[in-house]
Amino acid sequence: MKWIQQLILQNSECIIVLSRYSRQSILNVYGSSFDAKVRSEERRVGKE
């Protein structure tokens, strides 16, 4: 499961997260190499 999701992260041009917790989960489990791809929708979701 970890390998499959890591492949998705590697091949995705953009990684969308809905909270700071989700972003931190990526860093904790898969490392910081994907952080540049991460786009947070936390403010938009919270406002809506």
ModelCIF file with pLDDT and N, C-alpha, C, O atoms, coordinates in Angstrom:
data_MODEL
#
_entry.id   MODEL 
#
_entity.id                         1 
_entity.type                       polymer 
_entity.pdbx_number_of_molecules   1 
#
_entity_poly.entity_id                      1 
_entity_poly.type                           'polypeptide(L)' 
_entity_poly.nstd_linkage                   no 
_entity_poly.nstd_monomer                   no 
_entity_poly.pdbx_seq_one_letter_code       MKWIQQLILQNSECIIVLSRYSRQSILNVYGSSFDAKVRSEERRVGKE 
_entity_poly.pdbx_seq_one_letter_code_can   MKWIQQLILQNSECIIVLSRYSRQSILNVYGSSFDAKVRSEERRVGKE 
_entity_poly.pdbx_strand_id                 A 
#
loop_
_entity_poly_seq.entity_id 
_entity_poly_seq.num 
_entity_poly_seq.mon_id 
_entity_poly_seq.hetero 
1 1  MET n 
1 2  LYS n 
1 3  TRP n 
1 4  ILE n 
1 5  GLN n 
1 6  GLN n 
1 7  LEU n 
1 8  ILE n 
1 9  LEU n 
1 10 GLN n 
1 11 ASN n 
1 12 SER n 
1 13 GLU n 
1 14 CYS n 
1 15 ILE n 
1 16 ILE n 
1 17 VAL n 
1 18 LEU n 
1 19 SER n 
1 20 ARG n 
1 21 TYR n 
1 22 SER n 
1 23 ARG n 
1 24 GLN n 
1 25 SER n 
1 26 ILE n 
1 27 LEU n 
1 28 ASN n 
1 29 VAL n 
1 30 TYR n 
1 31 GLY n 
1 32 SER n 
1 33 SER n 
1 34 PHE n 
1 35 ASP n 
1 36 ALA n 
1 37 LYS n 
1 38 VAL n 
1 39 ARG n 
1 40 SER n 
1 41 GLU n 
1 42 GLU n 
1 43 ARG n 
1 44 ARG n 
1 45 VAL n 
1 46 GLY n 
1 47 LYS n 
1 48 GLU n 
#
_struct_asym.id          A 
_struct_asym.entity_id   1 
#
loop_
_ma_qa_metric.id 
_ma_qa_metric.mode 
_ma_qa_metric.name 
_ma_qa_metric.software_group_id 
_ma_qa_metric.type 
1 global pLDDT . pLDDT 
2 local  pLDDT . pLDDT 
#
_ma_qa_metric_global.metric_id      1 
_ma_qa_metric_global.metric_value   87.25 
_ma_qa_metric_global.model_id       1 
_ma_qa_metric_global.ordinal_id     1 
#
loop_
_ma_qa_metric_local.label_asym_id 
_ma_qa_metric_local.label_comp_id 
_ma_qa_metric_local.label_seq_id 
_ma_qa_metric_local.metric_id 
_ma_qa_metric_local.metric_value 
_ma_qa_metric_local.model_id 
_ma_qa_metric_local.ordinal_id 
A MET 1  2 94.00 1 1  
A LYS 2  2 96.00 1 2  
A TRP 3  2 95.00 1 3  
A ILE 4  2 95.00 1 4  
A GLN 5  2 96.00 1 5  
A GLN 6  2 97.00 1 6  
A LEU 7  2 96.00 1 7  
A ILE 8  2 96.00 1 8  
A LEU 9  2 97.00 1 9  
A GLN 10 2 96.00 1 10 
A ASN 11 2 96.00 1 11 
A SER 12 2 96.00 1 12 
A GLU 13 2 95.00 1 13 
A CYS 14 2 95.00 1 14 
A ILE 15 2 96.00 1 15 
A ILE 16 2 95.00 1 16 
A VAL 17 2 94.00 1 17 
A LEU 18 2 87.00 1 18 
A SER 19 2 90.00 1 19 
A ARG 20 2 91.00 1 20 
A TYR 21 2 93.00 1 21 
A SER 22 2 93.00 1 22 
A ARG 23 2 94.00 1 23 
A GLN 24 2 95.00 1 24 
A SER 25 2 95.00 1 25 
A ILE 26 2 96.00 1 26 
A LEU 27 2 94.00 1 27 
A ASN 28 2 95.00 1 28 
A VAL 29 2 96.00 1 29 
A TYR 30 2 95.00 1 30 
A GLY 31 2 93.00 1 31 
A SER 32 2 93.00 1 32 
A SER 33 2 93.00 1 33 
A PHE 34 2 94.00 1 34 
A ASP 35 2 92.00 1 35 
A ALA 36 2 93.00 1 36 
A LYS 37 2 95.00 1 37 
A VAL 38 2 94.00 1 38 
A ARG 39 2 92.00 1 39 
A SER 40 2 88.00 1 40 
A GLU 41 2 77.00 1 41 
A GLU 42 2 62.00 1 42 
A ARG 43 2 52.00 1 43 
A ARG 44 2 53.00 1 44 
A VAL 45 2 43.00 1 45 
A GLY 46 2 44.00 1 46 
A LYS 47 2 48.00 1 47 
A GLU 48 2 43.00 1 48 
#
loop_
_atom_site.group_PDB 
_atom_site.id 
_atom_site.type_symbol 
_atom_site.label_atom_id 
_atom_site.label_alt_id 
_atom_site.label_comp_id 
_atom_site.label_asym_id 
_atom_site.label_entity_id 
_atom_site.label_seq_id 
_atom_site.pdbx_PDB_ins_code 
_atom_site.Cartn_x 
_atom_site.Cartn_y 
_atom_site.Cartn_z 
_atom_site.occupancy 
_atom_site.B_iso_or_equiv 
_atom_site.pdbx_formal_charge 
_atom_site.auth_seq_id 
_atom_site.auth_comp_id 
_atom_site.auth_asym_id 
_atom_site.auth_atom_id 
_atom_site.pdbx_PDB_model_num 
ATOM 1   N N  . MET A 1 1  ? 0.826   -1.210 0.000   1.00 94.00 ? 1  MET A N  1 
ATOM 2   C CA . MET A 1 1  ? 0.000   0.000  0.000   1.00 94.00 ? 1  MET A CA 1 
ATOM 3   C C  . MET A 1 1  ? 0.860   1.260  0.000   1.00 94.00 ? 1  MET A C  1 
ATOM 4   O O  . MET A 1 1  ? 0.570   2.226  -0.705  1.00 94.00 ? 1  MET A O  1 
ATOM 5   N N  . LYS A 1 2  ? 1.913   1.231  0.797   1.00 96.00 ? 2  LYS A N  1 
ATOM 6   C CA . LYS A 1 2  ? 2.808   2.387  0.867   1.00 96.00 ? 2  LYS A CA 1 
ATOM 7   C C  . LYS A 1 2  ? 3.485   2.620  -0.479  1.00 96.00 ? 2  LYS A C  1 
ATOM 8   O O  . LYS A 1 2  ? 3.622   3.763  -0.915  1.00 96.00 ? 2  LYS A O  1 
ATOM 9   N N  . TRP A 1 3  ? 3.904   1.554  -1.132  1.00 95.00 ? 3  TRP A N  1 
ATOM 10  C CA . TRP A 1 3  ? 4.567   1.649  -2.433  1.00 95.00 ? 3  TRP A CA 1 
ATOM 11  C C  . TRP A 1 3  ? 3.618   2.200  -3.494  1.00 95.00 ? 3  TRP A C  1 
ATOM 12  O O  . TRP A 1 3  ? 4.005   3.046  -4.300  1.00 95.00 ? 3  TRP A O  1 
ATOM 13  N N  . ILE A 1 4  ? 2.372   1.715  -3.493  1.00 95.00 ? 4  ILE A N  1 
ATOM 14  C CA . ILE A 1 4  ? 1.389   2.183  -4.485  1.00 95.00 ? 4  ILE A CA 1 
ATOM 15  C C  . ILE A 1 4  ? 1.114   3.672  -4.315  1.00 95.00 ? 4  ILE A C  1 
ATOM 16  O O  . ILE A 1 4  ? 1.129   4.421  -5.292  1.00 95.00 ? 4  ILE A O  1 
ATOM 17  N N  . GLN A 1 5  ? 0.862   4.107  -3.074  1.00 96.00 ? 5  GLN A N  1 
ATOM 18  C CA . GLN A 1 5  ? 0.567   5.526  -2.883  1.00 96.00 ? 5  GLN A CA 1 
ATOM 19  C C  . GLN A 1 5  ? 1.788   6.393  -3.165  1.00 96.00 ? 5  GLN A C  1 
ATOM 20  O O  . GLN A 1 5  ? 1.647   7.521  -3.637  1.00 96.00 ? 5  GLN A O  1 
ATOM 21  N N  . GLN A 1 6  ? 2.970   5.889  -2.888  1.00 97.00 ? 6  GLN A N  1 
ATOM 22  C CA . GLN A 1 6  ? 4.181   6.638  -3.194  1.00 97.00 ? 6  GLN A CA 1 
ATOM 23  C C  . GLN A 1 6  ? 4.349   6.807  -4.705  1.00 97.00 ? 6  GLN A C  1 
ATOM 24  O O  . GLN A 1 6  ? 4.792   7.859  -5.168  1.00 97.00 ? 6  GLN A O  1 
ATOM 25  N N  . LEU A 1 7  ? 3.997   5.773  -5.472  1.00 96.00 ? 7  LEU A N  1 
ATOM 26  C CA . LEU A 1 7  ? 4.030   5.875  -6.930  1.00 96.00 ? 7  LEU A CA 1 
ATOM 27  C C  . LEU A 1 7  ? 3.094   6.975  -7.434  1.00 96.00 ? 7  LEU A C  1 
ATOM 28  O O  . LEU A 1 7  ? 3.438   7.734  -8.340  1.00 96.00 ? 7  LEU A O  1 
ATOM 29  N N  . ILE A 1 8  ? 1.910   7.044  -6.833  1.00 96.00 ? 8  ILE A N  1 
ATOM 30  C CA . ILE A 1 8  ? 0.947   8.084  -7.225  1.00 96.00 ? 8  ILE A CA 1 
ATOM 31  C C  . ILE A 1 8  ? 1.508   9.467  -6.922  1.00 96.00 ? 8  ILE A C  1 
ATOM 32  O O  . ILE A 1 8  ? 1.417   10.375 -7.747  1.00 96.00 ? 8  ILE A O  1 
ATOM 33  N N  . LEU A 1 9  ? 2.085   9.622  -5.738  1.00 97.00 ? 9  LEU A N  1 
ATOM 34  C CA . LEU A 1 9  ? 2.679   10.904 -5.371  1.00 97.00 ? 9  LEU A CA 1 
ATOM 35  C C  . LEU A 1 9  ? 3.801   11.285 -6.338  1.00 97.00 ? 9  LEU A C  1 
ATOM 36  O O  . LEU A 1 9  ? 3.923   12.449 -6.721  1.00 97.00 ? 9  LEU A O  1 
ATOM 37  N N  . GLN A 1 10 ? 4.614   10.315 -6.730  1.00 96.00 ? 10 GLN A N  1 
ATOM 38  C CA . GLN A 1 10 ? 5.731   10.580 -7.636  1.00 96.00 ? 10 GLN A CA 1 
ATOM 39  C C  . GLN A 1 10 ? 5.255   10.998 -9.022  1.00 96.00 ? 10 GLN A C  1 
ATOM 40  O O  . GLN A 1 10 ? 5.858   11.867 -9.651  1.00 96.00 ? 10 GLN A O  1 
ATOM 41  N N  . ASN A 1 11 ? 4.178   10.383 -9.498  1.00 96.00 ? 11 ASN A N  1 
ATOM 42  C CA . ASN A 1 11 ? 3.721   10.618 -10.867 1.00 96.00 ? 11 ASN A CA 1 
ATOM 43  C C  . ASN A 1 11 ? 2.681   11.718 -11.004 1.00 96.00 ? 11 ASN A C  1 
ATOM 44  O O  . ASN A 1 11 ? 2.298   12.076 -12.118 1.00 96.00 ? 11 ASN A O  1 
ATOM 45  N N  . SER A 1 12 ? 2.226   12.253 -9.891  1.00 96.00 ? 12 SER A N  1 
ATOM 46  C CA . SER A 1 12 ? 1.238   13.334 -9.937  1.00 96.00 ? 12 SER A CA 1 
ATOM 47  C C  . SER A 1 12 ? 1.932   14.680 -10.085 1.00 96.00 ? 12 SER A C  1 
ATOM 48  O O  . SER A 1 12 ? 2.936   14.953 -9.427  1.00 96.00 ? 12 SER A O  1 
ATOM 49  N N  . GLU A 1 13 ? 1.385   15.511 -10.954 1.00 95.00 ? 13 GLU A N  1 
ATOM 50  C CA . GLU A 1 13 ? 1.953   16.843 -11.131 1.00 95.00 ? 13 GLU A CA 1 
ATOM 51  C C  . GLU A 1 13 ? 1.610   17.745 -9.953  1.00 95.00 ? 13 GLU A C  1 
ATOM 52  O O  . GLU A 1 13 ? 2.323   18.706 -9.662  1.00 95.00 ? 13 GLU A O  1 
ATOM 53  N N  . CYS A 1 14 ? 0.503   17.419 -9.276  1.00 95.00 ? 14 CYS A N  1 
ATOM 54  C CA . CYS A 1 14 ? 0.066   18.225 -8.146  1.00 95.00 ? 14 CYS A CA 1 
ATOM 55  C C  . CYS A 1 14 ? -0.564  17.302 -7.103  1.00 95.00 ? 14 CYS A C  1 
ATOM 56  O O  . CYS A 1 14 ? -1.273  16.358 -7.452  1.00 95.00 ? 14 CYS A O  1 
ATOM 57  N N  . ILE A 1 15 ? -0.305  17.576 -5.833  1.00 96.00 ? 15 ILE A N  1 
ATOM 58  C CA . ILE A 1 15 ? -0.897  16.814 -4.737  1.00 96.00 ? 15 ILE A CA 1 
ATOM 59  C C  . ILE A 1 15 ? -1.750  17.776 -3.917  1.00 96.00 ? 15 ILE A C  1 
ATOM 60  O O  . ILE A 1 15 ? -1.246  18.759 -3.373  1.00 96.00 ? 15 ILE A O  1 
ATOM 61  N N  . ILE A 1 16 ? -3.031  17.486 -3.834  1.00 95.00 ? 16 ILE A N  1 
ATOM 62  C CA . ILE A 1 16 ? -3.967  18.362 -3.138  1.00 95.00 ? 16 ILE A CA 1 
ATOM 63  C C  . ILE A 1 16 ? -4.243  17.810 -1.748  1.00 95.00 ? 16 ILE A C  1 
ATOM 64  O O  . ILE A 1 16 ? -4.540  16.625 -1.596  1.00 95.00 ? 16 ILE A O  1 
ATOM 65  N N  . VAL A 1 17 ? -4.148  18.662 -0.738  1.00 94.00 ? 17 VAL A N  1 
ATOM 66  C CA . VAL A 1 17 ? -4.491  18.265 0.630   1.00 94.00 ? 17 VAL A CA 1 
ATOM 67  C C  . VAL A 1 17 ? -5.582  19.205 1.142   1.00 94.00 ? 17 VAL A C  1 
ATOM 68  O O  . VAL A 1 17 ? -5.681  20.354 0.711   1.00 94.00 ? 17 VAL A O  1 
ATOM 69  N N  . LEU A 1 18 ? -6.398  18.700 2.067   1.00 87.00 ? 18 LEU A N  1 
ATOM 70  C CA . LEU A 1 18 ? -7.518  19.472 2.580   1.00 87.00 ? 18 LEU A CA 1 
ATOM 71  C C  . LEU A 1 18 ? -7.256  20.027 3.974   1.00 87.00 ? 18 LEU A C  1 
ATOM 72  O O  . LEU A 1 18 ? -8.101  20.724 4.536   1.00 87.00 ? 18 LEU A O  1 
ATOM 73  N N  . SER A 1 19 ? -6.078  19.719 4.540   1.00 90.00 ? 19 SER A N  1 
ATOM 74  C CA . SER A 1 19 ? -5.762  20.202 5.883   1.00 90.00 ? 19 SER A CA 1 
ATOM 75  C C  . SER A 1 19 ? -4.257  20.165 6.109   1.00 90.00 ? 19 SER A C  1 
ATOM 76  O O  . SER A 1 19 ? -3.519  19.502 5.380   1.00 90.00 ? 19 SER A O  1 
ATOM 77  N N  . ARG A 1 20 ? -3.819  20.885 7.128   1.00 91.00 ? 20 ARG A N  1 
ATOM 78  C CA . ARG A 1 20 ? -2.411  20.848 7.506   1.00 91.00 ? 20 ARG A CA 1 
ATOM 79  C C  . ARG A 1 20 ? -2.018  19.460 8.019   1.00 91.00 ? 20 ARG A C  1 
ATOM 80  O O  . ARG A 1 20 ? -0.879  19.024 7.853   1.00 91.00 ? 20 ARG A O  1 
ATOM 81  N N  . TYR A 1 21 ? -2.971  18.782 8.639   1.00 93.00 ? 21 TYR A N  1 
ATOM 82  C CA . TYR A 1 21 ? -2.704  17.423 9.123   1.00 93.00 ? 21 TYR A CA 1 
ATOM 83  C C  . TYR A 1 21 ? -2.358  16.495 7.958   1.00 93.00 ? 21 TYR A C  1 
ATOM 84  O O  . TYR A 1 21 ? -1.420  15.702 8.045   1.00 93.00 ? 21 TYR A O  1 
ATOM 85  N N  . SER A 1 22 ? -3.122  16.599 6.869   1.00 93.00 ? 22 SER A N  1 
ATOM 86  C CA . SER A 1 22 ? -2.850  15.753 5.695   1.00 93.00 ? 22 SER A CA 1 
ATOM 87  C C  . SER A 1 22 ? -1.476  16.057 5.112   1.00 93.00 ? 22 SER A C  1 
ATOM 88  O O  . SER A 1 22 ? -0.734  15.153 4.727   1.00 93.00 ? 22 SER A O  1 
ATOM 89  N N  . ARG A 1 23 ? -1.154  17.333 5.056   1.00 94.00 ? 23 ARG A N  1 
ATOM 90  C CA . ARG A 1 23 ? 0.172   17.712 4.534   1.00 94.00 ? 23 ARG A CA 1 
ATOM 91  C C  . ARG A 1 23 ? 1.279   17.136 5.400   1.00 94.00 ? 23 ARG A C  1 
ATOM 92  O O  . ARG A 1 23 ? 2.273   16.623 4.887   1.00 94.00 ? 23 ARG A O  1 
ATOM 93  N N  . GLN A 1 24 ? 1.107   17.219 6.717   1.00 95.00 ? 24 GLN A N  1 
ATOM 94  C CA . GLN A 1 24 ? 2.116   16.695 7.629   1.00 95.00 ? 24 GLN A CA 1 
ATOM 95  C C  . GLN A 1 24 ? 2.199   15.177 7.531   1.00 95.00 ? 24 GLN A C  1 
ATOM 96  O O  . GLN A 1 24 ? 3.271   14.600 7.710   1.00 95.00 ? 24 GLN A O  1 
ATOM 97  N N  . SER A 1 25 ? 1.066   14.522 7.245   1.00 95.00 ? 25 SER A N  1 
ATOM 98  C CA . SER A 1 25 ? 1.053   13.071 7.091   1.00 95.00 ? 25 SER A CA 1 
ATOM 99  C C  . SER A 1 25 ? 1.923   12.639 5.914   1.00 95.00 ? 25 SER A C  1 
ATOM 100 O O  . SER A 1 25 ? 2.626   11.630 5.989   1.00 95.00 ? 25 SER A O  1 
ATOM 101 N N  . ILE A 1 26 ? 1.872   13.407 4.827   1.00 96.00 ? 26 ILE A N  1 
ATOM 102 C CA . ILE A 1 26 ? 2.719   13.103 3.678   1.00 96.00 ? 26 ILE A CA 1 
ATOM 103 C C  . ILE A 1 26 ? 4.192   13.197 4.071   1.00 96.00 ? 26 ILE A C  1 
ATOM 104 O O  . ILE A 1 26 ? 4.993   12.328 3.730   1.00 96.00 ? 26 ILE A O  1 
ATOM 105 N N  . LEU A 1 27 ? 4.533   14.253 4.786   1.00 94.00 ? 27 LEU A N  1 
ATOM 106 C CA . LEU A 1 27 ? 5.921   14.448 5.201   1.00 94.00 ? 27 LEU A CA 1 
ATOM 107 C C  . LEU A 1 27 ? 6.379   13.333 6.149   1.00 94.00 ? 27 LEU A C  1 
ATOM 108 O O  . LEU A 1 27 ? 7.498   12.833 6.037   1.00 94.00 ? 27 LEU A O  1 
ATOM 109 N N  . ASN A 1 28 ? 5.505   12.954 7.075   1.00 95.00 ? 28 ASN A N  1 
ATOM 110 C CA . ASN A 1 28 ? 5.864   11.940 8.071   1.00 95.00 ? 28 ASN A CA 1 
ATOM 111 C C  . ASN A 1 28 ? 6.043   10.559 7.459   1.00 95.00 ? 28 ASN A C  1 
ATOM 112 O O  . ASN A 1 28 ? 6.956   9.822  7.833   1.00 95.00 ? 28 ASN A O  1 
ATOM 113 N N  . VAL A 1 29 ? 5.164   10.207 6.511   1.00 96.00 ? 29 VAL A N  1 
ATOM 114 C CA . VAL A 1 29 ? 5.166   8.845  5.964   1.00 96.00 ? 29 VAL A CA 1 
ATOM 115 C C  . VAL A 1 29 ? 6.043   8.728  4.727   1.00 96.00 ? 29 VAL A C  1 
ATOM 116 O O  . VAL A 1 29 ? 6.732   7.724  4.543   1.00 96.00 ? 29 VAL A O  1 
ATOM 117 N N  . TYR A 1 30 ? 6.020   9.757  3.875   1.00 95.00 ? 30 TYR A N  1 
ATOM 118 C CA . TYR A 1 30 ? 6.685   9.642  2.572   1.00 95.00 ? 30 TYR A CA 1 
ATOM 119 C C  . TYR A 1 30 ? 7.879   10.582 2.400   1.00 95.00 ? 30 TYR A C  1 
ATOM 120 O O  . TYR A 1 30 ? 8.563   10.526 1.378   1.00 95.00 ? 30 TYR A O  1 
ATOM 121 N N  . GLY A 1 31 ? 8.134   11.434 3.377   1.00 93.00 ? 31 GLY A N  1 
ATOM 122 C CA . GLY A 1 31 ? 9.301   12.299 3.302   1.00 93.00 ? 31 GLY A CA 1 
ATOM 123 C C  . GLY A 1 31 ? 8.989   13.657 2.697   1.00 93.00 ? 31 GLY A C  1 
ATOM 124 O O  . GLY A 1 31 ? 7.880   13.903 2.224   1.00 93.00 ? 31 GLY A O  1 
ATOM 125 N N  . SER A 1 32 ? 9.976   14.526 2.719   1.00 93.00 ? 32 SER A N  1 
ATOM 126 C CA . SER A 1 32 ? 9.798   15.927 2.318   1.00 93.00 ? 32 SER A CA 1 
ATOM 127 C C  . SER A 1 32 ? 9.937   16.150 0.817   1.00 93.00 ? 32 SER A C  1 
ATOM 128 O O  . SER A 1 32 ? 9.715   17.265 0.345   1.00 93.00 ? 32 SER A O  1 
ATOM 129 N N  . SER A 1 33 ? 10.299  15.119 0.054   1.00 93.00 ? 33 SER A N  1 
ATOM 130 C CA . SER A 1 33 ? 10.566  15.316 -1.370  1.00 93.00 ? 33 SER A CA 1 
ATOM 131 C C  . SER A 1 33 ? 9.310   15.713 -2.159  1.00 93.00 ? 33 SER A C  1 
ATOM 132 O O  . SER A 1 33 ? 9.414   16.256 -3.259  1.00 93.00 ? 33 SER A O  1 
ATOM 133 N N  . PHE A 1 34 ? 8.118   15.440 -1.593  1.00 94.00 ? 34 PHE A N  1 
ATOM 134 C CA . PHE A 1 34 ? 6.882   15.755 -2.306  1.00 94.00 ? 34 PHE A CA 1 
ATOM 135 C C  . PHE A 1 34 ? 6.292   17.110 -1.907  1.00 94.00 ? 34 PHE A C  1 
ATOM 136 O O  . PHE A 1 34 ? 5.280   17.534 -2.466  1.00 94.00 ? 34 PHE A O  1 
ATOM 137 N N  . ASP A 1 35 ? 6.910   17.781 -0.954  1.00 92.00 ? 35 ASP A N  1 
ATOM 138 C CA . ASP A 1 35 ? 6.305   18.997 -0.402  1.00 92.00 ? 35 ASP A CA 1 
ATOM 139 C C  . ASP A 1 35 ? 6.112   20.095 -1.448  1.00 92.00 ? 35 ASP A C  1 
ATOM 140 O O  . ASP A 1 35 ? 5.156   20.867 -1.369  1.00 92.00 ? 35 ASP A O  1 
ATOM 141 N N  . ALA A 1 36 ? 7.015   20.166 -2.426  1.00 93.00 ? 36 ALA A N  1 
ATOM 142 C CA . ALA A 1 36 ? 6.903   21.209 -3.451  1.00 93.00 ? 36 ALA A CA 1 
ATOM 143 C C  . ALA A 1 36 ? 5.671   21.034 -4.328  1.00 93.00 ? 36 ALA A C  1 
ATOM 144 O O  . ALA A 1 36 ? 5.187   21.995 -4.926  1.00 93.00 ? 36 ALA A O  1 
ATOM 145 N N  . LYS A 1 37 ? 5.163   19.801 -4.403  1.00 95.00 ? 37 LYS A N  1 
ATOM 146 C CA . LYS A 1 37 ? 3.980   19.529 -5.231  1.00 95.00 ? 37 LYS A CA 1 
ATOM 147 C C  . LYS A 1 37 ? 2.667   19.795 -4.498  1.00 95.00 ? 37 LYS A C  1 
ATOM 148 O O  . LYS A 1 37 ? 1.611   19.890 -5.123  1.00 95.00 ? 37 LYS A O  1 
ATOM 149 N N  . VAL A 1 38 ? 2.736   19.914 -3.172  1.00 94.00 ? 38 VAL A N  1 
ATOM 150 C CA . VAL A 1 38 ? 1.516   19.965 -2.367  1.00 94.00 ? 38 VAL A CA 1 
ATOM 151 C C  . VAL A 1 38 ? 0.832   21.316 -2.490  1.00 94.00 ? 38 VAL A C  1 
ATOM 152 O O  . VAL A 1 38 ? 1.467   22.367 -2.399  1.00 94.00 ? 38 VAL A O  1 
ATOM 153 N N  . ARG A 1 39 ? -0.483  21.263 -2.701  1.00 92.00 ? 39 ARG A N  1 
ATOM 154 C CA . ARG A 1 39 ? -1.330  22.454 -2.746  1.00 92.00 ? 39 ARG A CA 1 
ATOM 155 C C  . ARG A 1 39 ? -2.439  22.271 -1.723  1.00 92.00 ? 39 ARG A C  1 
ATOM 156 O O  . ARG A 1 39 ? -3.176  21.286 -1.769  1.00 92.00 ? 39 ARG A O  1 
ATOM 157 N N  . SER A 1 40 ? -2.559  23.218 -0.801  1.00 88.00 ? 40 SER A N  1 
ATOM 158 C CA . SER A 1 40 ? -3.540  23.079 0.265   1.00 88.00 ? 40 SER A CA 1 
ATOM 159 C C  . SER A 1 40 ? -4.847  23.777 -0.093  1.00 88.00 ? 40 SER A C  1 
ATOM 160 O O  . SER A 1 40 ? -4.852  24.913 -0.568  1.00 88.00 ? 40 SER A O  1 
ATOM 161 N N  . GLU A 1 41 ? -5.949  23.081 0.143   1.00 77.00 ? 41 GLU A N  1 
ATOM 162 C CA . GLU A 1 41 ? -7.288  23.646 -0.045  1.00 77.00 ? 41 GLU A CA 1 
ATOM 163 C C  . GLU A 1 41 ? -7.938  23.912 1.308   1.00 77.00 ? 41 GLU A C  1 
ATOM 164 O O  . GLU A 1 41 ? -9.157  24.068 1.389   1.00 77.00 ? 41 GLU A O  1 
ATOM 165 N N  . GLU A 1 42 ? -7.141  23.964 2.363   1.00 62.00 ? 42 GLU A N  1 
ATOM 166 C CA . GLU A 1 42 ? -7.686  24.088 3.717   1.00 62.00 ? 42 GLU A CA 1 
ATOM 167 C C  . GLU A 1 42 ? -8.521  25.352 3.885   1.00 62.00 ? 42 GLU A C  1 
ATOM 168 O O  . GLU A 1 42 ? -9.631  25.289 4.413   1.00 62.00 ? 42 GLU A O  1 
ATOM 169 N N  . ARG A 1 43 ? -8.004  26.503 3.442   1.00 52.00 ? 43 ARG A N  1 
ATOM 170 C CA . ARG A 1 43 ? -8.736  27.753 3.631   1.00 52.00 ? 43 ARG A CA 1 
ATOM 171 C C  . ARG A 1 43 ? -10.049 27.754 2.857   1.00 52.00 ? 43 ARG A C  1 
ATOM 172 O O  . ARG A 1 43 ? -11.083 28.188 3.364   1.00 52.00 ? 43 ARG A O  1 
ATOM 173 N N  . ARG A 1 44 ? -9.989  27.260 1.616   1.00 53.00 ? 44 ARG A N  1 
ATOM 174 C CA . ARG A 1 44 ? -11.185 27.252 0.787   1.00 53.00 ? 44 ARG A CA 1 
ATOM 175 C C  . ARG A 1 44 ? -12.248 26.323 1.362   1.00 53.00 ? 44 ARG A C  1 
ATOM 176 O O  . ARG A 1 44 ? -13.427 26.672 1.415   1.00 53.00 ? 44 ARG A O  1 
ATOM 177 N N  . VAL A 1 45 ? -11.817 25.122 1.797   1.00 43.00 ? 45 VAL A N  1 
ATOM 178 C CA . VAL A 1 45 ? -12.765 24.170 2.375   1.00 43.00 ? 45 VAL A CA 1 
ATOM 179 C C  . VAL A 1 45 ? -13.355 24.719 3.659   1.00 43.00 ? 45 VAL A C  1 
ATOM 180 O O  . VAL A 1 45 ? -14.563 24.631 3.879   1.00 43.00 ? 45 VAL A O  1 
ATOM 181 N N  . GLY A 1 46 ? -12.503 25.291 4.515   1.00 44.00 ? 46 GLY A N  1 
ATOM 182 C CA . GLY A 1 46 ? -12.984 25.844 5.775   1.00 44.00 ? 46 GLY A CA 1 
ATOM 183 C C  . GLY A 1 46 ? -13.973 26.977 5.562   1.00 44.00 ? 46 GLY A C  1 
ATOM 184 O O  . GLY A 1 46 ? -14.996 27.055 6.243   1.00 44.00 ? 46 GLY A O  1 
ATOM 185 N N  . LYS A 1 47 ? -13.665 27.853 4.617   1.00 48.00 ? 47 LYS A N  1 
ATOM 186 C CA . LYS A 1 47 ? -14.565 28.972 4.324   1.00 48.00 ? 47 LYS A CA 1 
ATOM 187 C C  . LYS A 1 47 ? -15.904 28.476 3.824   1.00 48.00 ? 47 LYS A C  1 
ATOM 188 O O  . LYS A 1 47 ? -16.948 28.989 4.227   1.00 48.00 ? 47 LYS A O  1 
ATOM 189 N N  . GLU A 1 48 ? -15.883 27.467 2.937   1.00 43.00 ? 48 GLU A N  1 
ATOM 190 C CA . GLU A 1 48 ? -17.130 26.942 2.387   1.00 43.00 ? 48 GLU A CA 1 
ATOM 191 C C  . GLU A 1 48 ? -17.954 26.254 3.467   1.00 43.00 ? 48 GLU A C  1 
ATOM 192 O O  . GLU A 1 48 ? -19.041 25.749 3.187   1.00 43.00 ? 48 GLU A O  1 
#
